[in-house]
Amino acid sequence: MKLAISVLIILITSYLGYSKGYSIKRRIRVLEDMANDIVQLGKLVEYKSLPISELLTKAQMSTPEFWDLFAEGIVGGKSAEKAWVEAVERASPLAALKEDEKSLLKEYGLGLGLLDRYTLNANAGYVSGRIRDYAEQFRREEIKKCKMYGILGMLSGMAISLMVW
């Protein structure tokens, strides 16, 4: 019985450690997806002279929930800037991001209605570059922390199971 409890404790604490590490990986993936989507939107705006609401129906974005919320806001009569900021706040894939990362995304959205299409594309390149810098920073952090959380979870499980014995 003690053996079964010990194994269960080790499995549970290992799972908790690895799930914490996964949250870091999720942030990286969300940041990279948004960077790619912003670049794609910037190129679409520059090369096609269509309203953003129509461009969003033609584009295949990596974070569709965010873009659906954004398009819904625009179609609902909100300005592009306001729809963008609300989509950043409400989209569940972006919930993994910290406030400074969200503010970087909001910064891009605030220029959507003010800039011409060439400047908007250049701004998309600039913001996506900054987002990729964040993602690279977290990738370096991920290598260290993901392993650490997994090992820490396993070791804490072993320590607790030794206490049970």
C-alpha atoms as a PDB file:
ATOM      1  CA  MET A   1       0.000   0.000   0.000  1.00  0.00           C
ATOM      2  CA  LYS A   2       2.811   2.390   0.890  1.00  0.00           C
ATOM      3  CA  LEU A   3       4.491   1.580  -2.400  1.00  0.00           C
ATOM      4  CA  ALA A   4       1.356   2.450  -4.358  1.00  0.00           C
ATOM      5  CA  ILE A   5       0.950   5.713  -2.443  1.00  0.00           C
ATOM      6  CA  SER A   6       4.610   6.566  -3.008  1.00  0.00           C
ATOM      7  CA  VAL A   7       4.376   5.926  -6.744  1.00  0.00           C
ATOM      8  CA  LEU A   8       1.172   7.978  -6.916  1.00  0.00           C
ATOM      9  CA  ILE A   9       2.800  10.874  -5.076  1.00  0.00           C
ATOM     10  CA  ILE A  10       5.814  10.787  -7.396  1.00  0.00           C
ATOM     11  CA  LEU A  11       3.548  10.744 -10.459  1.00  0.00           C
ATOM     12  CA  ILE A  12       1.397  13.622  -9.205  1.00  0.00           C
ATOM     13  CA  THR A  13       4.307  15.863  -8.263  1.00  0.00           C
ATOM     14  CA  SER A  14       6.099  15.068 -11.531  1.00  0.00           C
ATOM     15  CA  TYR A  15       2.942  15.982 -13.424  1.00  0.00           C
ATOM     16  CA  LEU A  16       2.722  19.294 -11.556  1.00  0.00           C
ATOM     17  CA  GLY A  17       6.353  20.060 -12.344  1.00  0.00           C
ATOM     18  CA  TYR A  18       6.042  19.245 -16.030  1.00  0.00           C
ATOM     19  CA  SER A  19       2.757  21.159 -16.345  1.00  0.00           C
ATOM     20  CA  LYS A  20       4.469  24.253 -14.959  1.00  0.00           C
ATOM     21  CA  GLY A  21       7.175  23.816 -17.588  1.00  0.00           C
ATOM     22  CA  TYR A  22       4.508  23.435 -20.263  1.00  0.00           C
ATOM     23  CA  SER A  23       3.043  26.832 -19.390  1.00  0.00           C
ATOM     24  CA  ILE A  24       6.363  28.400 -20.411  1.00  0.00           C
ATOM     25  CA  LYS A  25       6.276  26.514 -23.725  1.00  0.00           C
ATOM     26  CA  ARG A  26       2.709  27.673 -24.289  1.00  0.00           C
ATOM     27  CA  ARG A  27       3.708  31.327 -23.899  1.00  0.00           C
ATOM     28  CA  ILE A  28       6.454  30.857 -26.471  1.00  0.00           C
ATOM     29  CA  ARG A  29       4.064  29.241 -28.943  1.00  0.00           C
ATOM     30  CA  VAL A  30       1.445  31.980 -28.501  1.00  0.00           C
ATOM     31  CA  LEU A  31       4.050  34.711 -28.964  1.00  0.00           C
ATOM     32  CA  GLU A  32       5.442  33.121 -32.119  1.00  0.00           C
ATOM     33  CA  ASP A  33       1.949  32.557 -33.552  1.00  0.00           C
ATOM     34  CA  MET A  34       0.952  36.172 -32.925  1.00  0.00           C
ATOM     35  CA  ALA A  35       4.205  37.440 -34.466  1.00  0.00           C
ATOM     36  CA  ASN A  36       3.544  35.393 -37.603  1.00  0.00           C
ATOM     37  CA  ASP A  37      -0.083  36.514 -37.743  1.00  0.00           C
ATOM     38  CA  ILE A  38       0.824  40.179 -37.389  1.00  0.00           C
ATOM     39  CA  VAL A  39       3.348  39.919 -40.216  1.00  0.00           C
ATOM     40  CA  GLN A  40       0.752  38.163 -42.360  1.00  0.00           C
ATOM     41  CA  LEU A  41      -1.817  40.886 -41.609  1.00  0.00           C
ATOM     42  CA  GLY A  42       0.715  43.603 -42.437  1.00  0.00           C
ATOM     43  CA  LYS A  43       1.507  42.001 -45.792  1.00  0.00           C
ATOM     44  CA  LEU A  44      -2.151  41.499 -46.609  1.00  0.00           C
ATOM     45  CA  VAL A  45      -2.921  45.125 -45.812  1.00  0.00           C
ATOM     46  CA  GLU A  46      -0.021  46.312 -47.981  1.00  0.00           C
ATOM     47  CA  TYR A  47      -0.661  44.114 -51.009  1.00  0.00           C
ATOM     48  CA  LYS A  48      -4.459  44.028 -51.064  1.00  0.00           C
ATOM     49  CA  SER A  49      -6.492  47.163 -50.837  1.00  0.00           C
ATOM     50  CA  LEU A  50      -9.358  45.637 -48.853  1.00  0.00           C
ATOM     51  CA  PRO A  51     -10.794  46.580 -45.475  1.00  0.00           C
ATOM     52  CA  ILE A  52      -9.331  44.673 -42.533  1.00  0.00           C
ATOM     53  CA  SER A  53     -12.626  42.874 -41.891  1.00  0.00           C
ATOM     54  CA  GLU A  54     -12.493  41.345 -45.395  1.00  0.00           C
ATOM     55  CA  LEU A  55      -8.799  40.527 -45.124  1.00  0.00           C
ATOM     56  CA  LEU A  56      -9.431  38.556 -41.959  1.00  0.00           C
ATOM     57  CA  THR A  57     -11.924  36.299 -43.739  1.00  0.00           C
ATOM     58  CA  LYS A  58      -9.341  35.490 -46.426  1.00  0.00           C
ATOM     59  CA  ALA A  59      -6.359  34.914 -44.127  1.00  0.00           C
ATOM     60  CA  GLN A  60      -5.480  31.677 -42.340  1.00  0.00           C
ATOM     61  CA  MET A  61      -4.263  32.847 -38.959  1.00  0.00           C
ATOM     62  CA  SER A  62      -2.536  30.750 -36.290  1.00  0.00           C
ATOM     63  CA  THR A  63      -4.690  32.061 -33.425  1.00  0.00           C
ATOM     64  CA  PRO A  64      -8.196  32.019 -34.919  1.00  0.00           C
ATOM     65  CA  GLU A  65     -10.038  32.804 -31.687  1.00  0.00           C
ATOM     66  CA  PHE A  66      -8.213  36.112 -31.380  1.00  0.00           C
ATOM     67  CA  TRP A  67      -8.842  37.045 -34.992  1.00  0.00           C
ATOM     68  CA  ASP A  68     -12.504  36.044 -34.776  1.00  0.00           C
ATOM     69  CA  LEU A  69     -12.934  38.354 -31.773  1.00  0.00           C
ATOM     70  CA  PHE A  70     -11.105  41.115 -33.631  1.00  0.00           C
ATOM     71  CA  ALA A  71     -13.246  40.713 -36.761  1.00  0.00           C
ATOM     72  CA  GLU A  72     -16.398  40.535 -34.638  1.00  0.00           C
ATOM     73  CA  GLY A  73     -15.507  43.862 -33.042  1.00  0.00           C
ATOM     74  CA  ILE A  74     -14.875  45.526 -36.395  1.00  0.00           C
ATOM     75  CA  VAL A  75     -18.072  44.174 -37.931  1.00  0.00           C
ATOM     76  CA  GLY A  76     -19.897  45.305 -34.776  1.00  0.00           C
ATOM     77  CA  GLY A  77     -18.986  48.900 -35.592  1.00  0.00           C
ATOM     78  CA  LYS A  78     -16.008  49.398 -33.295  1.00  0.00           C
ATOM     79  CA  SER A  79     -12.871  51.068 -34.507  1.00  0.00           C
ATOM     80  CA  ALA A  80      -9.995  48.779 -35.443  1.00  0.00           C
ATOM     81  CA  GLU A  81      -7.978  50.028 -32.480  1.00  0.00           C
ATOM     82  CA  LYS A  82     -10.725  49.395 -29.949  1.00  0.00           C
ATOM     83  CA  ALA A  83     -11.600  45.999 -31.452  1.00  0.00           C
ATOM     84  CA  TRP A  84      -7.911  44.997 -31.314  1.00  0.00           C
ATOM     85  CA  VAL A  85      -7.444  45.987 -27.675  1.00  0.00           C
ATOM     86  CA  GLU A  86     -10.633  44.158 -26.648  1.00  0.00           C
ATOM     87  CA  ALA A  87      -9.585  41.050 -28.579  1.00  0.00           C
ATOM     88  CA  VAL A  88      -6.191  41.068 -26.832  1.00  0.00           C
ATOM     89  CA  GLU A  89      -7.965  41.219 -23.468  1.00  0.00           C
ATOM     90  CA  ARG A  90     -10.636  38.605 -24.222  1.00  0.00           C
ATOM     91  CA  ALA A  91      -8.899  35.936 -26.322  1.00  0.00           C
ATOM     92  CA  SER A  92      -8.190  32.841 -24.247  1.00  0.00           C
ATOM     93  CA  PRO A  93      -4.988  31.812 -26.113  1.00  0.00           C
ATOM     94  CA  LEU A  94      -3.498  35.140 -25.072  1.00  0.00           C
ATOM     95  CA  ALA A  95      -4.336  34.505 -21.404  1.00  0.00           C
ATOM     96  CA  ALA A  96      -0.967  32.760 -21.084  1.00  0.00           C
ATOM     97  CA  LEU A  97       0.803  36.041 -21.814  1.00  0.00           C
ATOM     98  CA  LYS A  98       1.982  38.499 -19.200  1.00  0.00           C
ATOM     99  CA  GLU A  99       0.873  42.129 -19.129  1.00  0.00           C
ATOM    100  CA  ASP A 100       4.016  43.526 -20.796  1.00  0.00           C
ATOM    101  CA  GLU A 101       3.557  41.102 -23.704  1.00  0.00           C
ATOM    102  CA  LYS A 102      -0.107  42.055 -24.009  1.00  0.00           C
ATOM    103  CA  SER A 103       0.804  45.745 -23.930  1.00  0.00           C
ATOM    104  CA  LEU A 104       3.193  45.152 -26.833  1.00  0.00           C
ATOM    105  CA  LEU A 105       0.326  43.611 -28.815  1.00  0.00           C
ATOM    106  CA  LYS A 106      -1.967  46.487 -27.842  1.00  0.00           C
ATOM    107  CA  GLU A 107       0.693  48.939 -29.027  1.00  0.00           C
ATOM    108  CA  TYR A 108       0.468  47.452 -32.505  1.00  0.00           C
ATOM    109  CA  GLY A 109      -3.316  47.627 -32.484  1.00  0.00           C
ATOM    110  CA  LEU A 110      -3.387  51.294 -31.558  1.00  0.00           C
ATOM    111  CA  GLY A 111      -1.839  52.171 -34.923  1.00  0.00           C
ATOM    112  CA  LEU A 112      -4.240  50.161 -37.058  1.00  0.00           C
ATOM    113  CA  GLY A 113      -6.528  53.008 -38.056  1.00  0.00           C
ATOM    114  CA  LEU A 114      -3.959  55.791 -38.080  1.00  0.00           C
ATOM    115  CA  LEU A 115      -1.310  54.501 -40.447  1.00  0.00           C
ATOM    116  CA  ASP A 116      -1.198  54.031 -44.192  1.00  0.00           C
ATOM    117  CA  ARG A 117      -0.799  50.478 -45.423  1.00  0.00           C
ATOM    118  CA  TYR A 118       2.961  50.666 -46.041  1.00  0.00           C
ATOM    119  CA  THR A 119       3.635  52.074 -42.593  1.00  0.00           C
ATOM    120  CA  LEU A 120       1.291  49.499 -41.105  1.00  0.00           C
ATOM    121  CA  ASN A 121       3.324  46.716 -42.742  1.00  0.00           C
ATOM    122  CA  ALA A 122       6.570  48.232 -41.470  1.00  0.00           C
ATOM    123  CA  ASN A 123       5.058  48.536 -37.997  1.00  0.00           C
ATOM    124  CA  ALA A 124       4.000  44.879 -38.214  1.00  0.00           C
ATOM    125  CA  GLY A 125       7.591  43.902 -38.949  1.00  0.00           C
ATOM    126  CA  TYR A 126       8.864  45.988 -36.036  1.00  0.00           C
ATOM    127  CA  VAL A 127       6.320  44.643 -33.527  1.00  0.00           C
ATOM    128  CA  SER A 128       6.718  41.044 -34.685  1.00  0.00           C
ATOM    129  CA  GLY A 129      10.487  41.415 -34.285  1.00  0.00           C
ATOM    130  CA  ARG A 130      10.016  42.593 -30.703  1.00  0.00           C
ATOM    131  CA  ILE A 131       7.603  39.725 -30.046  1.00  0.00           C
ATOM    132  CA  ARG A 132      10.121  37.252 -31.452  1.00  0.00           C
ATOM    133  CA  ASP A 133      12.767  38.750 -29.151  1.00  0.00           C
ATOM    134  CA  TYR A 134      10.451  38.013 -26.217  1.00  0.00           C
ATOM    135  CA  ALA A 135       9.913  34.484 -27.517  1.00  0.00           C
ATOM    136  CA  GLU A 136      13.663  33.923 -27.838  1.00  0.00           C
ATOM    137  CA  GLN A 137      14.186  35.178 -24.310  1.00  0.00           C
ATOM    138  CA  PHE A 138      11.571  32.704 -23.051  1.00  0.00           C
ATOM    139  CA  ARG A 139      13.085  29.905 -25.123  1.00  0.00           C
ATOM    140  CA  ARG A 140      16.376  30.358 -23.258  1.00  0.00           C
ATOM    141  CA  GLU A 141      14.414  30.433 -20.011  1.00  0.00           C
ATOM    142  CA  GLU A 142      12.461  27.359 -21.088  1.00  0.00           C
ATOM    143  CA  ILE A 143      15.560  25.202 -21.482  1.00  0.00           C
ATOM    144  CA  LYS A 144      16.523  25.861 -17.888  1.00  0.00           C
ATOM    145  CA  LYS A 145      13.168  26.049 -16.174  1.00  0.00           C
ATOM    146  CA  CYS A 146      11.279  23.233 -17.894  1.00  0.00           C
ATOM    147  CA  LYS A 147      13.890  20.703 -16.899  1.00  0.00           C
ATOM    148  CA  MET A 148      14.149  22.227 -13.465  1.00  0.00           C
ATOM    149  CA  TYR A 149      10.397  22.059 -12.827  1.00  0.00           C
ATOM    150  CA  GLY A 150      10.214  18.456 -14.017  1.00  0.00           C
ATOM    151  CA  ILE A 151      13.144  17.343 -11.879  1.00  0.00           C
ATOM    152  CA  LEU A 152      11.922  19.382  -8.918  1.00  0.00           C
ATOM    153  CA  GLY A 153       8.505  17.748  -9.166  1.00  0.00           C
ATOM    154  CA  MET A 154      10.019  14.274  -9.262  1.00  0.00           C
ATOM    155  CA  LEU A 155      12.438  14.961  -6.402  1.00  0.00           C
ATOM    156  CA  SER A 156       9.741  16.482  -4.215  1.00  0.00           C
ATOM    157  CA  GLY A 157       7.568  13.445  -4.896  1.00  0.00           C
ATOM    158  CA  MET A 158      10.409  11.158  -3.897  1.00  0.00           C
ATOM    159  CA  ALA A 159      10.999  13.175  -0.733  1.00  0.00           C
ATOM    160  CA  ILE A 160       7.325  13.024   0.234  1.00  0.00           C
ATOM    161  CA  SER A 161       7.153   9.317  -0.508  1.00  0.00           C
ATOM    162  CA  LEU A 162      10.210   8.750   1.694  1.00  0.00           C
ATOM    163  CA  MET A 163       8.384  10.548   4.486  1.00  0.00           C
ATOM    164  CA  VAL A 164       5.411   8.228   4.007  1.00  0.00           C
ATOM    165  CA  TRP A 165       7.652   5.203   4.480  1.00  0.00           C
END
